[in-house]
Amino acid sequence: MKIAIGSDHAGFELKEYIKQLLAGGDYDITDYGTHSPQSVDYPDYGFKVAQVVASGDADRGILVCGTGIGMSIVANKVKGVRAALAFDIYTAVQSRAHLDANILVLAERVTGKGLAEEIVRSWLSAEFEGGRHSSRIAKIEAFEKNRDR
């Protein structure tokens, strides 16, 4: 599975931790930055990861910032992205099972490394259930296709 990962300065340490966790496994990880804890603008990295996922060049994405809110807003502006901010395992799994979320957003200033690891592993292993949820996703996709922007 190809994973695009990115963060701003406030999510840099957790992003690096997640990369180490997933390295050497069944994941092909591409880091779109930032590459240091120096202050940067989160939209630059959020948009990049979201565009890579939306284009199909990555199967899923992971974004990290201080609260997760900024990255969530940015990623969800990109057509074809369903980014989910998760603070717990249940929410992460449900975001995949019911919403087919293709980007996971984490908050470094809120979520400890141990919990973040469990969230990431659970989210990556969860599958979309389809069924009644598919028609709901279709409504989202139809809205994106027909809106004036």
N, C-alpha and C. Protein backbone atom coordinates (compact mmCIF):
# COMPACT_ATOMS: atom_id res chain seq x y z
N MET A 1 0.84 -1.17 0.00
CA MET A 1 0.00 0.00 0.00
C MET A 1 0.89 1.24 0.00
N LYS A 2 0.58 2.17 -0.91
CA LYS A 2 1.32 3.43 -0.99
C LYS A 2 0.68 4.46 -0.07
N ILE A 3 1.51 5.03 0.80
CA ILE A 3 1.02 6.01 1.77
C ILE A 3 1.79 7.31 1.60
N ALA A 4 1.04 8.40 1.43
CA ALA A 4 1.62 9.74 1.42
C ALA A 4 1.49 10.30 2.83
N ILE A 5 2.56 10.87 3.34
CA ILE A 5 2.54 11.40 4.70
C ILE A 5 3.09 12.81 4.70
N GLY A 6 2.54 13.65 5.57
CA GLY A 6 3.01 15.02 5.65
C GLY A 6 2.61 15.64 6.98
N SER A 7 3.29 16.73 7.29
CA SER A 7 2.99 17.45 8.53
C SER A 7 3.48 18.88 8.40
N ASP A 8 3.05 19.68 9.35
CA ASP A 8 3.66 20.99 9.54
C ASP A 8 4.66 20.85 10.67
N HIS A 9 5.21 21.96 11.13
CA HIS A 9 6.21 21.92 12.21
C HIS A 9 5.64 21.35 13.51
N ALA A 10 4.36 21.63 13.78
CA ALA A 10 3.74 21.16 15.03
C ALA A 10 3.46 19.67 15.01
N GLY A 11 3.50 19.06 13.86
CA GLY A 11 3.29 17.62 13.75
C GLY A 11 4.51 16.85 13.31
N PHE A 12 5.63 17.55 13.20
CA PHE A 12 6.85 16.95 12.66
C PHE A 12 7.32 15.72 13.45
N GLU A 13 7.40 15.83 14.77
CA GLU A 13 7.92 14.71 15.57
C GLU A 13 7.04 13.47 15.46
N LEU A 14 5.73 13.65 15.50
CA LEU A 14 4.83 12.51 15.40
C LEU A 14 4.88 11.90 13.99
N LYS A 15 4.99 12.74 12.98
CA LYS A 15 5.13 12.23 11.60
C LYS A 15 6.37 11.35 11.49
N GLU A 16 7.48 11.83 12.01
CA GLU A 16 8.73 11.06 11.96
C GLU A 16 8.58 9.73 12.71
N TYR A 17 7.90 9.76 13.83
CA TYR A 17 7.66 8.55 14.62
C TYR A 17 6.82 7.54 13.81
N ILE A 18 5.78 8.02 13.18
CA ILE A 18 4.92 7.14 12.38
C ILE A 18 5.70 6.54 11.21
N LYS A 19 6.52 7.34 10.56
CA LYS A 19 7.35 6.82 9.47
C LYS A 19 8.22 5.67 9.95
N GLN A 20 8.84 5.82 11.11
CA GLN A 20 9.69 4.76 11.66
C GLN A 20 8.88 3.51 11.96
N LEU A 21 7.67 3.69 12.48
CA LEU A 21 6.82 2.54 12.80
C LEU A 21 6.48 1.72 11.56
N LEU A 22 6.22 2.42 10.47
CA LEU A 22 5.75 1.75 9.27
C LEU A 22 6.88 1.32 8.33
N ALA A 23 8.07 1.81 8.57
CA ALA A 23 9.22 1.49 7.70
C ALA A 23 9.52 0.00 7.75
N GLY A 24 9.85 -0.53 6.60
CA GLY A 24 10.23 -1.94 6.54
C GLY A 24 9.07 -2.89 6.52
N GLY A 25 7.84 -2.36 6.56
CA GLY A 25 6.66 -3.22 6.52
C GLY A 25 6.11 -3.33 5.12
N ASP A 26 4.83 -3.48 5.03
CA ASP A 26 4.16 -3.64 3.75
C ASP A 26 3.75 -2.31 3.13
N TYR A 27 4.36 -1.24 3.57
CA TYR A 27 3.96 0.10 3.14
C TYR A 27 5.09 0.80 2.38
N ASP A 28 4.69 1.44 1.29
CA ASP A 28 5.60 2.28 0.52
C ASP A 28 5.25 3.72 0.91
N ILE A 29 6.10 4.32 1.73
CA ILE A 29 5.80 5.63 2.32
C ILE A 29 6.59 6.72 1.60
N THR A 30 5.86 7.77 1.21
CA THR A 30 6.50 8.95 0.65
C THR A 30 6.21 10.13 1.56
N ASP A 31 7.26 10.77 2.02
CA ASP A 31 7.15 11.92 2.93
C ASP A 31 7.16 13.21 2.11
N TYR A 32 6.08 13.96 2.21
CA TYR A 32 5.95 15.22 1.47
C TYR A 32 6.29 16.43 2.34
N GLY A 33 6.90 16.19 3.48
CA GLY A 33 7.37 17.27 4.33
C GLY A 33 6.36 17.62 5.41
N THR A 34 6.76 18.51 6.19
CA THR A 34 7.97 19.26 6.29
C THR A 34 9.09 18.33 6.78
N HIS A 35 10.32 18.77 6.60
CA HIS A 35 11.46 17.93 6.94
C HIS A 35 12.27 18.46 8.10
N SER A 36 11.68 19.37 8.87
CA SER A 36 12.33 19.89 10.07
C SER A 36 11.27 20.52 10.97
N PRO A 37 11.62 20.82 12.20
CA PRO A 37 10.65 21.46 13.10
C PRO A 37 10.56 22.98 12.93
N GLN A 38 11.17 23.52 11.89
CA GLN A 38 11.09 24.96 11.63
C GLN A 38 9.67 25.33 11.20
N SER A 39 9.20 26.47 11.62
CA SER A 39 7.84 26.92 11.34
C SER A 39 7.56 26.98 9.84
N VAL A 40 6.42 26.39 9.45
CA VAL A 40 5.97 26.36 8.05
C VAL A 40 4.45 26.58 8.03
N ASP A 41 3.91 26.70 6.85
CA ASP A 41 2.46 26.85 6.67
C ASP A 41 1.84 25.49 6.37
N TYR A 42 0.96 25.04 7.25
CA TYR A 42 0.36 23.71 7.10
C TYR A 42 -0.37 23.49 5.77
N PRO A 43 -1.01 24.51 5.17
CA PRO A 43 -1.70 24.22 3.89
C PRO A 43 -0.76 23.69 2.80
N ASP A 44 0.47 24.14 2.80
CA ASP A 44 1.42 23.69 1.76
C ASP A 44 1.58 22.18 1.77
N TYR A 45 1.61 21.58 2.94
CA TYR A 45 1.83 20.14 3.08
C TYR A 45 0.52 19.37 3.04
N GLY A 46 -0.53 19.94 3.60
CA GLY A 46 -1.83 19.29 3.56
C GLY A 46 -2.37 19.16 2.15
N PHE A 47 -2.27 20.26 1.38
CA PHE A 47 -2.74 20.20 -0.01
C PHE A 47 -1.94 19.19 -0.83
N LYS A 48 -0.64 19.15 -0.63
CA LYS A 48 0.20 18.23 -1.40
C LYS A 48 -0.19 16.78 -1.17
N VAL A 49 -0.30 16.39 0.09
CA VAL A 49 -0.68 15.00 0.40
C VAL A 49 -2.08 14.71 -0.13
N ALA A 50 -3.00 15.63 0.06
CA ALA A 50 -4.37 15.42 -0.40
C ALA A 50 -4.43 15.26 -1.92
N GLN A 51 -3.66 16.06 -2.64
CA GLN A 51 -3.65 15.96 -4.10
C GLN A 51 -3.06 14.63 -4.57
N VAL A 52 -2.04 14.17 -3.89
CA VAL A 52 -1.42 12.89 -4.24
C VAL A 52 -2.41 11.74 -4.03
N VAL A 53 -3.14 11.79 -2.92
CA VAL A 53 -4.14 10.75 -2.65
C VAL A 53 -5.29 10.85 -3.65
N ALA A 54 -5.79 12.05 -3.88
CA ALA A 54 -6.92 12.23 -4.81
C ALA A 54 -6.57 11.78 -6.23
N SER A 55 -5.32 11.96 -6.62
CA SER A 55 -4.90 11.59 -7.97
C SER A 55 -4.71 10.08 -8.12
N GLY A 56 -4.65 9.36 -7.01
CA GLY A 56 -4.41 7.92 -7.05
C GLY A 56 -2.95 7.53 -7.00
N ASP A 57 -2.06 8.53 -6.89
CA ASP A 57 -0.64 8.23 -6.78
C ASP A 57 -0.27 7.63 -5.42
N ALA A 58 -1.17 7.77 -4.46
CA ALA A 58 -1.03 7.10 -3.16
C ALA A 58 -2.39 6.50 -2.83
N ASP A 59 -2.38 5.36 -2.15
CA ASP A 59 -3.63 4.71 -1.77
C ASP A 59 -4.30 5.44 -0.61
N ARG A 60 -3.48 5.88 0.33
CA ARG A 60 -3.98 6.59 1.50
C ARG A 60 -2.96 7.63 1.94
N GLY A 61 -3.41 8.53 2.80
CA GLY A 61 -2.53 9.56 3.32
C GLY A 61 -2.66 9.69 4.82
N ILE A 62 -1.60 10.23 5.42
CA ILE A 62 -1.60 10.55 6.84
C ILE A 62 -1.06 11.96 6.97
N LEU A 63 -1.80 12.81 7.67
CA LEU A 63 -1.39 14.19 7.92
C LEU A 63 -1.35 14.44 9.42
N VAL A 64 -0.38 15.26 9.84
CA VAL A 64 -0.24 15.56 11.26
C VAL A 64 0.03 17.06 11.42
N CYS A 65 -0.70 17.67 12.35
CA CYS A 65 -0.39 19.03 12.77
C CYS A 65 -0.63 19.10 14.28
N GLY A 66 -0.62 20.27 14.83
CA GLY A 66 -0.76 20.40 16.28
C GLY A 66 -2.08 19.88 16.81
N THR A 67 -3.19 20.38 16.25
CA THR A 67 -4.52 19.96 16.69
C THR A 67 -5.21 19.03 15.72
N GLY A 68 -4.71 18.95 14.49
CA GLY A 68 -5.35 18.16 13.45
C GLY A 68 -6.43 18.92 12.70
N ILE A 69 -6.87 20.02 13.24
CA ILE A 69 -7.98 20.76 12.65
C ILE A 69 -7.57 21.41 11.32
N GLY A 70 -6.45 22.10 11.32
CA GLY A 70 -6.00 22.76 10.10
C GLY A 70 -5.80 21.79 8.95
N MET A 71 -5.11 20.70 9.21
CA MET A 71 -4.88 19.71 8.16
C MET A 71 -6.19 19.09 7.68
N SER A 72 -7.14 18.88 8.58
CA SER A 72 -8.44 18.33 8.19
C SER A 72 -9.16 19.27 7.24
N ILE A 73 -9.18 20.54 7.59
CA ILE A 73 -9.85 21.52 6.74
C ILE A 73 -9.21 21.57 5.36
N VAL A 74 -7.89 21.65 5.34
CA VAL A 74 -7.16 21.74 4.07
C VAL A 74 -7.41 20.50 3.22
N ALA A 75 -7.21 19.33 3.77
CA ALA A 75 -7.34 18.10 2.99
C ALA A 75 -8.74 17.93 2.42
N ASN A 76 -9.74 18.29 3.19
CA ASN A 76 -11.12 18.10 2.74
C ASN A 76 -11.55 19.12 1.70
N LYS A 77 -10.71 20.08 1.37
CA LYS A 77 -10.98 21.01 0.27
C LYS A 77 -10.67 20.38 -1.08
N VAL A 78 -9.90 19.30 -1.07
CA VAL A 78 -9.47 18.66 -2.32
C VAL A 78 -10.52 17.62 -2.74
N LYS A 79 -11.02 17.78 -3.95
CA LYS A 79 -12.02 16.87 -4.50
C LYS A 79 -11.52 15.43 -4.45
N GLY A 80 -12.35 14.55 -3.94
CA GLY A 80 -11.99 13.14 -3.87
C GLY A 80 -11.36 12.72 -2.56
N VAL A 81 -11.15 13.66 -1.67
CA VAL A 81 -10.55 13.35 -0.37
C VAL A 81 -11.64 13.29 0.70
N ARG A 82 -11.51 12.28 1.54
CA ARG A 82 -12.33 12.18 2.74
C ARG A 82 -11.34 11.99 3.89
N ALA A 83 -10.96 13.13 4.47
CA ALA A 83 -9.98 13.12 5.56
C ALA A 83 -10.71 13.08 6.90
N ALA A 84 -10.22 12.23 7.79
CA ALA A 84 -10.85 12.07 9.10
C ALA A 84 -9.84 12.35 10.20
N LEU A 85 -10.19 13.26 11.08
CA LEU A 85 -9.40 13.57 12.26
C LEU A 85 -9.80 12.57 13.34
N ALA A 86 -8.85 11.80 13.83
CA ALA A 86 -9.16 10.76 14.81
C ALA A 86 -8.32 10.94 16.07
N PHE A 87 -9.01 10.93 17.20
CA PHE A 87 -8.36 11.01 18.50
C PHE A 87 -8.41 9.67 19.24
N ASP A 88 -9.07 8.68 18.64
CA ASP A 88 -9.19 7.37 19.27
C ASP A 88 -9.31 6.28 18.21
N ILE A 89 -9.16 5.05 18.62
CA ILE A 89 -9.16 3.92 17.70
C ILE A 89 -10.53 3.73 17.07
N TYR A 90 -11.59 3.83 17.86
CA TYR A 90 -12.94 3.62 17.33
C TYR A 90 -13.25 4.58 16.19
N THR A 91 -12.96 5.84 16.39
CA THR A 91 -13.23 6.84 15.36
C THR A 91 -12.41 6.54 14.10
N ALA A 92 -11.18 6.17 14.28
CA ALA A 92 -10.32 5.85 13.13
C ALA A 92 -10.89 4.69 12.33
N VAL A 93 -11.26 3.63 13.00
CA VAL A 93 -11.80 2.45 12.33
C VAL A 93 -13.13 2.78 11.64
N GLN A 94 -14.00 3.51 12.33
CA GLN A 94 -15.28 3.88 11.73
C GLN A 94 -15.10 4.78 10.52
N SER A 95 -14.07 5.61 10.53
CA SER A 95 -13.83 6.49 9.38
C SER A 95 -13.51 5.68 8.13
N ARG A 96 -12.91 4.54 8.29
CA ARG A 96 -12.65 3.64 7.16
C ARG A 96 -13.88 2.80 6.84
N ALA A 97 -14.46 2.18 7.86
CA ALA A 97 -15.55 1.23 7.66
C ALA A 97 -16.80 1.89 7.07
N HIS A 98 -17.14 3.08 7.53
CA HIS A 98 -18.38 3.72 7.10
C HIS A 98 -18.17 4.86 6.11
N LEU A 99 -17.02 5.52 6.15
CA LEU A 99 -16.81 6.71 5.33
C LEU A 99 -15.77 6.51 4.23
N ASP A 100 -15.10 5.38 4.24
CA ASP A 100 -14.02 5.10 3.29
C ASP A 100 -13.00 6.24 3.29
N ALA A 101 -12.67 6.74 4.48
CA ALA A 101 -11.70 7.83 4.61
C ALA A 101 -10.39 7.42 3.98
N ASN A 102 -9.84 8.32 3.16
CA ASN A 102 -8.58 7.99 2.50
C ASN A 102 -7.40 8.77 3.08
N ILE A 103 -7.68 9.67 4.02
CA ILE A 103 -6.61 10.36 4.75
C ILE A 103 -6.96 10.36 6.23
N LEU A 104 -5.98 9.97 7.02
CA LEU A 104 -6.08 10.02 8.48
C LEU A 104 -5.35 11.27 8.94
N VAL A 105 -5.99 12.04 9.82
CA VAL A 105 -5.35 13.23 10.38
C VAL A 105 -5.17 13.02 11.88
N LEU A 106 -3.96 13.33 12.33
CA LEU A 106 -3.62 13.20 13.74
C LEU A 106 -3.17 14.54 14.32
N ALA A 107 -3.30 14.64 15.65
CA ALA A 107 -2.95 15.87 16.37
C ALA A 107 -1.81 15.58 17.33
N GLU A 108 -0.61 16.06 16.99
CA GLU A 108 0.55 15.79 17.84
C GLU A 108 0.41 16.37 19.24
N ARG A 109 -0.19 17.54 19.37
CA ARG A 109 -0.29 18.20 20.68
C ARG A 109 -1.41 17.61 21.55
N VAL A 110 -2.17 16.68 20.98
CA VAL A 110 -3.29 16.09 21.70
C VAL A 110 -3.11 14.59 21.90
N THR A 111 -2.48 13.92 20.95
CA THR A 111 -2.40 12.46 20.93
C THR A 111 -0.98 12.00 21.21
N GLY A 112 -0.82 11.16 22.22
CA GLY A 112 0.49 10.61 22.54
C GLY A 112 0.93 9.59 21.50
N LYS A 113 2.22 9.30 21.49
CA LYS A 113 2.78 8.40 20.48
C LYS A 113 2.20 6.99 20.54
N GLY A 114 2.00 6.48 21.74
CA GLY A 114 1.45 5.12 21.86
C GLY A 114 0.06 5.01 21.29
N LEU A 115 -0.80 5.96 21.62
CA LEU A 115 -2.15 5.96 21.08
C LEU A 115 -2.12 6.21 19.57
N ALA A 116 -1.29 7.13 19.13
CA ALA A 116 -1.17 7.41 17.70
C ALA A 116 -0.78 6.15 16.94
N GLU A 117 0.12 5.37 17.48
CA GLU A 117 0.52 4.12 16.83
C GLU A 117 -0.68 3.18 16.69
N GLU A 118 -1.46 3.03 17.74
CA GLU A 118 -2.63 2.16 17.68
C GLU A 118 -3.67 2.68 16.68
N ILE A 119 -3.85 3.99 16.66
CA ILE A 119 -4.79 4.59 15.71
C ILE A 119 -4.35 4.32 14.28
N VAL A 120 -3.09 4.58 13.99
CA VAL A 120 -2.57 4.38 12.63
C VAL A 120 -2.69 2.93 12.21
N ARG A 121 -2.25 2.01 13.04
CA ARG A 121 -2.30 0.59 12.67
C ARG A 121 -3.74 0.11 12.47
N SER A 122 -4.64 0.56 13.34
CA SER A 122 -6.05 0.18 13.21
C SER A 122 -6.66 0.76 11.94
N TRP A 123 -6.36 2.02 11.65
CA TRP A 123 -6.90 2.68 10.46
C TRP A 123 -6.39 2.03 9.18
N LEU A 124 -5.11 1.70 9.16
CA LEU A 124 -4.54 1.08 7.96
C LEU A 124 -5.09 -0.32 7.72
N SER A 125 -5.47 -1.03 8.76
CA SER A 125 -5.98 -2.39 8.59
C SER A 125 -7.50 -2.44 8.40
N ALA A 126 -8.18 -1.36 8.70
CA ALA A 126 -9.65 -1.34 8.55
C ALA A 126 -10.04 -1.24 7.08
N GLU A 127 -11.14 -1.86 6.74
CA GLU A 127 -11.64 -1.87 5.37
C GLU A 127 -13.01 -1.19 5.30
N PHE A 128 -13.31 -0.64 4.15
CA PHE A 128 -14.62 -0.04 3.89
C PHE A 128 -15.66 -1.15 3.81
N GLU A 129 -16.78 -1.00 4.52
CA GLU A 129 -17.82 -2.02 4.56
C GLU A 129 -18.70 -2.01 3.32
N GLY A 130 -18.76 -0.90 2.61
CA GLY A 130 -19.65 -0.83 1.44
C GLY A 130 -21.10 -0.84 1.88
N GLY A 131 -21.92 -1.56 1.14
CA GLY A 131 -23.34 -1.66 1.48
C GLY A 131 -24.00 -0.30 1.53
N ARG A 132 -24.80 -0.07 2.58
CA ARG A 132 -25.54 1.18 2.71
C ARG A 132 -24.63 2.40 2.74
N HIS A 133 -23.37 2.18 3.11
CA HIS A 133 -22.43 3.30 3.17
C HIS A 133 -22.00 3.76 1.78
N SER A 134 -22.05 2.86 0.82
CA SER A 134 -21.65 3.21 -0.55
C SER A 134 -22.54 4.29 -1.14
N SER A 135 -23.84 4.22 -0.89
CA SER A 135 -24.74 5.24 -1.44
C SER A 135 -24.49 6.60 -0.80
N ARG A 136 -24.05 6.61 0.42
CA ARG A 136 -23.74 7.88 1.10
C ARG A 136 -22.47 8.50 0.52
N ILE A 137 -21.49 7.66 0.24
CA ILE A 137 -20.26 8.14 -0.39
C ILE A 137 -20.58 8.66 -1.79
N ALA A 138 -21.48 7.97 -2.48
CA ALA A 138 -21.88 8.41 -3.83
C ALA A 138 -22.52 9.79 -3.79
N LYS A 139 -23.27 10.10 -2.75
CA LYS A 139 -23.87 11.43 -2.61
C LYS A 139 -22.79 12.49 -2.44
N ILE A 140 -21.77 12.18 -1.67
CA ILE A 140 -20.65 13.12 -1.49
C ILE A 140 -19.95 13.35 -2.82
N GLU A 141 -19.69 12.27 -3.53
CA GLU A 141 -19.01 12.38 -4.83
C GLU A 141 -19.85 13.15 -5.84
N ALA A 142 -21.17 12.95 -5.83
CA ALA A 142 -22.05 13.69 -6.75
C ALA A 142 -22.04 15.18 -6.43
N PHE A 143 -22.03 15.52 -5.15
CA PHE A 143 -21.96 16.92 -4.75
C PHE A 143 -20.67 17.55 -5.25
N GLU A 144 -19.55 16.84 -5.04
CA GLU A 144 -18.26 17.35 -5.50
C GLU A 144 -18.26 17.58 -7.01
N LYS A 145 -18.85 16.66 -7.73
CA LYS A 145 -18.86 16.73 -9.19
C LYS A 145 -19.70 17.90 -9.69
N ASN A 146 -20.76 18.23 -9.01
CA ASN A 146 -21.72 19.20 -9.49
C ASN A 146 -21.58 20.60 -8.90
N ARG A 147 -20.70 20.80 -7.94
CA ARG A 147 -20.62 22.12 -7.32
C ARG A 147 -19.87 23.10 -8.21
N ASP A 148 -20.14 24.35 -8.02
CA ASP A 148 -19.52 25.42 -8.81
C ASP A 148 -18.28 25.95 -8.09
N ARG A 149 -17.15 25.35 -8.34
CA ARG A 149 -15.89 25.85 -7.77
C ARG A 149 -14.75 25.40 -8.59
